[in-house]
Protein backbone atom coordinates (compact mmCIF):
# COMPACT_ATOMS: atom_id res chain seq x y z
CA MET A 1 -23.07 0.34 -32.24
CA SER A 2 -20.26 2.04 -30.10
CA SER A 3 -17.87 4.56 -31.94
CA THR A 4 -14.57 4.92 -31.47
CA SER A 5 -14.24 8.81 -32.06
CA GLU A 6 -14.02 11.20 -29.20
CA PRO A 7 -17.18 12.28 -27.89
CA LYS A 8 -17.82 16.29 -28.29
CA ALA A 9 -17.26 18.09 -25.40
CA PRO A 10 -19.48 21.09 -24.53
CA SER A 11 -18.24 24.63 -24.92
CA LEU A 12 -16.61 26.17 -22.23
CA LYS A 13 -15.66 29.45 -21.82
CA PRO A 14 -12.27 30.25 -19.99
CA TRP A 15 -12.62 31.92 -16.53
CA LEU A 16 -11.24 35.46 -16.47
CA ARG A 17 -8.00 35.79 -13.66
CA LEU A 18 -9.19 39.00 -11.99
CA ARG A 19 -6.24 39.36 -9.25
CA ARG A 20 -3.11 36.80 -8.94
CA GLY A 21 -3.26 36.48 -4.88
CA LEU A 22 -0.11 36.45 -2.78
CA GLU A 23 2.44 33.53 -3.34
CA HIS A 24 3.67 31.74 -0.34
CA ASP A 25 6.44 29.02 -1.26
CA PHE A 26 6.70 26.14 0.93
CA GLY A 27 9.58 24.31 -1.40
CA VAL A 28 7.85 21.33 -2.58
CA VAL A 29 4.73 23.68 -3.26
CA LYS A 30 3.85 27.34 -3.56
CA VAL A 31 0.35 28.30 -2.66
CA ARG A 32 -1.78 31.21 -3.73
CA GLU A 33 -5.57 32.32 -4.11
CA ASP A 34 -6.57 34.21 -6.96
CA ARG A 35 -9.85 35.96 -7.72
CA VAL A 36 -11.47 35.00 -10.74
CA VAL A 37 -14.63 35.64 -12.58
CA ASP A 38 -17.48 33.01 -13.58
CA PRO A 39 -18.00 33.22 -17.53
CA ARG A 40 -21.60 32.31 -16.75
CA THR A 41 -22.60 34.25 -13.76
CA GLN A 42 -19.89 37.17 -14.01
CA LEU A 43 -19.43 36.23 -10.36
CA GLU A 44 -16.39 36.81 -8.61
CA HIS A 45 -14.81 33.73 -6.90
CA PRO A 46 -11.61 32.86 -4.77
CA ARG A 47 -9.28 29.84 -6.45
CA VAL A 48 -6.75 28.27 -4.46
CA ARG A 49 -3.86 27.09 -7.29
CA MET A 50 -0.96 24.94 -6.01
CA GLU A 51 2.05 25.01 -7.67
CA CYS A 52 4.26 21.98 -8.00
CA ALA A 53 6.58 20.38 -9.99
CA ASP A 54 5.73 17.31 -12.51
CA TRP A 55 5.84 14.18 -10.45
CA VAL A 56 6.99 10.47 -11.45
CA ASN A 57 5.88 7.08 -10.55
CA VAL A 58 7.74 3.97 -11.44
CA ILE A 59 6.40 0.14 -11.53
CA ALA A 60 9.69 -1.29 -11.13
CA VAL A 61 9.64 -5.05 -12.16
CA THR A 62 12.74 -7.37 -11.13
CA LYS A 63 13.60 -10.37 -13.59
CA GLN A 64 12.15 -12.56 -10.99
CA ASP A 65 8.93 -10.68 -11.52
CA GLU A 66 8.78 -8.86 -8.07
CA LEU A 67 7.79 -5.63 -7.81
CA VAL A 68 10.21 -3.39 -5.96
CA MET A 69 7.76 -0.79 -3.50
CA VAL A 70 8.76 1.53 -0.48
CA ARG A 71 7.17 2.27 2.29
CA GLN A 72 7.17 5.77 3.88
CA PHE A 73 5.81 7.95 6.23
CA ARG A 74 3.00 10.39 4.71
CA PHE A 75 2.62 13.56 6.72
CA GLY A 76 -0.70 14.12 5.16
CA ILE A 77 -2.22 11.11 6.99
CA ASP A 78 0.26 10.33 9.78
CA ALA A 79 1.08 6.98 8.85
CA PRO A 80 3.30 5.05 6.46
CA THR A 81 1.88 3.81 2.95
CA LEU A 82 3.03 1.43 0.49
CA GLU A 83 4.07 2.76 -2.76
CA VAL A 84 5.94 2.55 -5.81
CA PRO A 85 9.37 4.34 -6.02
CA GLY A 86 8.62 8.08 -7.31
CA GLY A 87 9.36 11.60 -6.87
CA CYS A 88 9.80 15.39 -8.47
CA VAL A 89 11.11 16.01 -11.82
CA ASP A 90 13.70 18.63 -11.60
CA PRO A 91 13.50 21.79 -13.69
CA GLY A 92 14.28 20.98 -17.38
CA GLU A 93 14.54 17.47 -16.58
CA GLU A 94 12.69 15.06 -18.92
CA PRO A 95 10.50 12.47 -17.13
CA ALA A 96 12.25 9.75 -18.21
CA VAL A 97 15.51 10.41 -16.62
CA ALA A 98 13.72 11.47 -13.54
CA ALA A 99 11.88 8.12 -12.97
CA ALA A 100 15.55 6.35 -13.84
CA ARG A 101 16.93 8.63 -11.09
CA GLU A 102 13.79 8.30 -8.67
CA LEU A 103 14.36 4.40 -8.91
CA GLU A 104 17.55 4.33 -8.15
CA GLU A 105 18.16 6.93 -5.40
CA GLU A 106 14.78 5.30 -3.07
CA THR A 107 15.96 1.53 -3.70
CA GLY A 108 19.02 0.82 -5.17
CA TYR A 109 17.70 -0.82 -8.16
CA ARG A 110 18.06 -0.07 -11.62
CA ALA A 111 15.85 -0.38 -14.87
CA GLY A 112 16.84 -2.73 -17.78
CA ARG A 113 13.96 -1.14 -19.47
CA LEU A 114 12.02 1.87 -19.15
CA GLU A 115 8.74 2.29 -20.76
CA LEU A 116 5.98 5.30 -20.16
CA LEU A 117 2.73 4.44 -19.40
CA GLY A 118 0.90 7.65 -19.37
CA ALA A 119 0.60 10.84 -17.57
CA VAL A 120 -2.63 12.13 -15.21
CA HIS A 121 -3.35 15.41 -13.56
CA PRO A 122 -3.25 14.51 -9.88
CA ASN A 123 -5.55 17.11 -8.76
CA PRO A 124 -6.79 19.43 -12.00
CA ALA A 125 -9.24 21.82 -9.48
CA PHE A 126 -6.10 23.59 -8.13
CA GLN A 127 -2.83 21.61 -9.28
CA PRO A 128 -1.51 22.01 -13.15
CA ASN A 129 1.01 19.98 -12.46
CA ARG A 130 1.44 15.86 -13.96
CA CYS A 131 2.33 12.87 -12.95
CA HIS A 132 3.59 10.26 -15.15
CA THR A 133 3.59 6.86 -14.78
CA PHE A 134 6.66 4.29 -16.04
CA LEU A 135 6.86 0.57 -16.24
CA ALA A 136 10.42 -0.46 -15.22
CA LEU A 137 11.50 -3.93 -16.46
CA ASP A 138 14.45 -5.97 -15.63
CA CYS A 139 15.52 -4.18 -12.40
CA GLU A 140 18.48 -5.23 -10.69
CA ARG A 141 19.81 -3.72 -7.51
CA VAL A 142 23.20 -2.03 -7.99
CA SER A 143 23.13 -0.22 -4.58
CA GLY A 144 21.80 0.41 -1.22
CA GLY A 145 19.92 3.58 -2.55
CA HIS A 146 20.35 7.54 -2.00
CA PRO A 147 17.24 8.73 -0.05
CA ASP A 148 17.03 12.33 -0.29
CA ASP A 149 17.34 14.57 3.04
CA GLY A 150 14.00 14.22 4.97
CA GLU A 151 13.18 10.77 3.61
CA ASP A 152 13.07 7.65 5.57
CA ILE A 153 12.27 4.68 3.06
CA ALA A 154 12.05 1.06 3.65
CA VAL A 155 12.26 -0.83 0.42
CA GLU A 156 10.17 -3.98 -0.30
CA LEU A 157 9.70 -6.98 -2.84
CA HIS A 158 5.91 -8.16 -3.38
CA PRO A 159 5.23 -10.89 -6.26
CA ARG A 160 3.71 -8.91 -9.03
CA ALA A 161 0.71 -11.22 -8.81
CA ASP A 162 -0.29 -9.78 -5.80
CA VAL A 163 -1.18 -6.03 -7.02
CA PRO A 164 -5.01 -6.60 -6.83
CA ARG A 165 -4.93 -7.89 -3.40
CA LEU A 166 -2.79 -5.25 -2.05
CA ILE A 167 -4.89 -2.64 -3.57
CA LEU A 168 -8.66 -4.20 -2.03
CA GLU A 169 -7.17 -5.17 1.27
CA GLY A 170 -6.16 -1.44 1.49
CA HIS A 171 -2.50 -2.17 1.99
CA ILE A 172 -1.76 0.30 -0.90
CA THR A 173 -4.13 3.69 -0.70
CA HIS A 174 -2.05 6.12 -2.25
CA SER A 175 -4.18 7.12 -5.19
CA LEU A 176 -1.56 7.80 -7.56
CA VAL A 177 -0.20 4.30 -6.99
CA VAL A 178 -3.84 2.80 -7.93
CA VAL A 179 -3.92 4.86 -10.99
CA ALA A 180 -0.35 3.72 -11.84
CA PHE A 181 -1.30 -0.04 -11.40
CA PHE A 182 -4.29 0.93 -13.38
CA MET A 183 -2.21 2.38 -16.55
CA GLU A 184 -0.30 -0.44 -16.46
CA ARG A 185 -3.26 -3.25 -16.86
CA LEU A 186 -4.78 -0.88 -19.78
CA ARG A 187 -1.91 -0.90 -21.65
CA ALA A 188 -1.37 -4.75 -20.85
CA GLU A 189 -4.85 -5.23 -22.50
CA ALA A 190 -4.99 -2.87 -25.46
CA ARG A 191 -1.48 -5.08 -26.49
CA ARG A 192 -4.01 -8.20 -26.78
């Protein structure tokens, strides 16, 4: 017999921050090392925290059932990646507004409909931000796009049915993009 109720989580005590470390601001991320105390052992530990803005990912689908994807160079792996459009949520901006803005800036496409699929914490071990995933339907090209300075983006169209192959063959390796497509699939299955 399965239960649909949420499993009860064990009670954990919060870790007390003893000292806030010196913050280094790199524009897209602020990094610092805090000293915290383990509530179980009372021992001190250093913990790195990376402050980032919230992010958005946009699974953009044209009226012809093609995915609007972007290929761009990623410095963490020194190679280009195939991804969905996305980016940072500006201060005071709603994630849906950021999603529509990023889609049009990066690709020149505008959505006819935008639907929130959900949000995840990219790496809660040291990042407090969230990545909001949206499904953009009935997308149409309205311009050539307006990438930000420092962005060199190639727009590609792929049949929507190719997503499993693109992931399994290693063409899509960005974990948040894989999560976005998984969230879309879970939503679709929940509606059946």
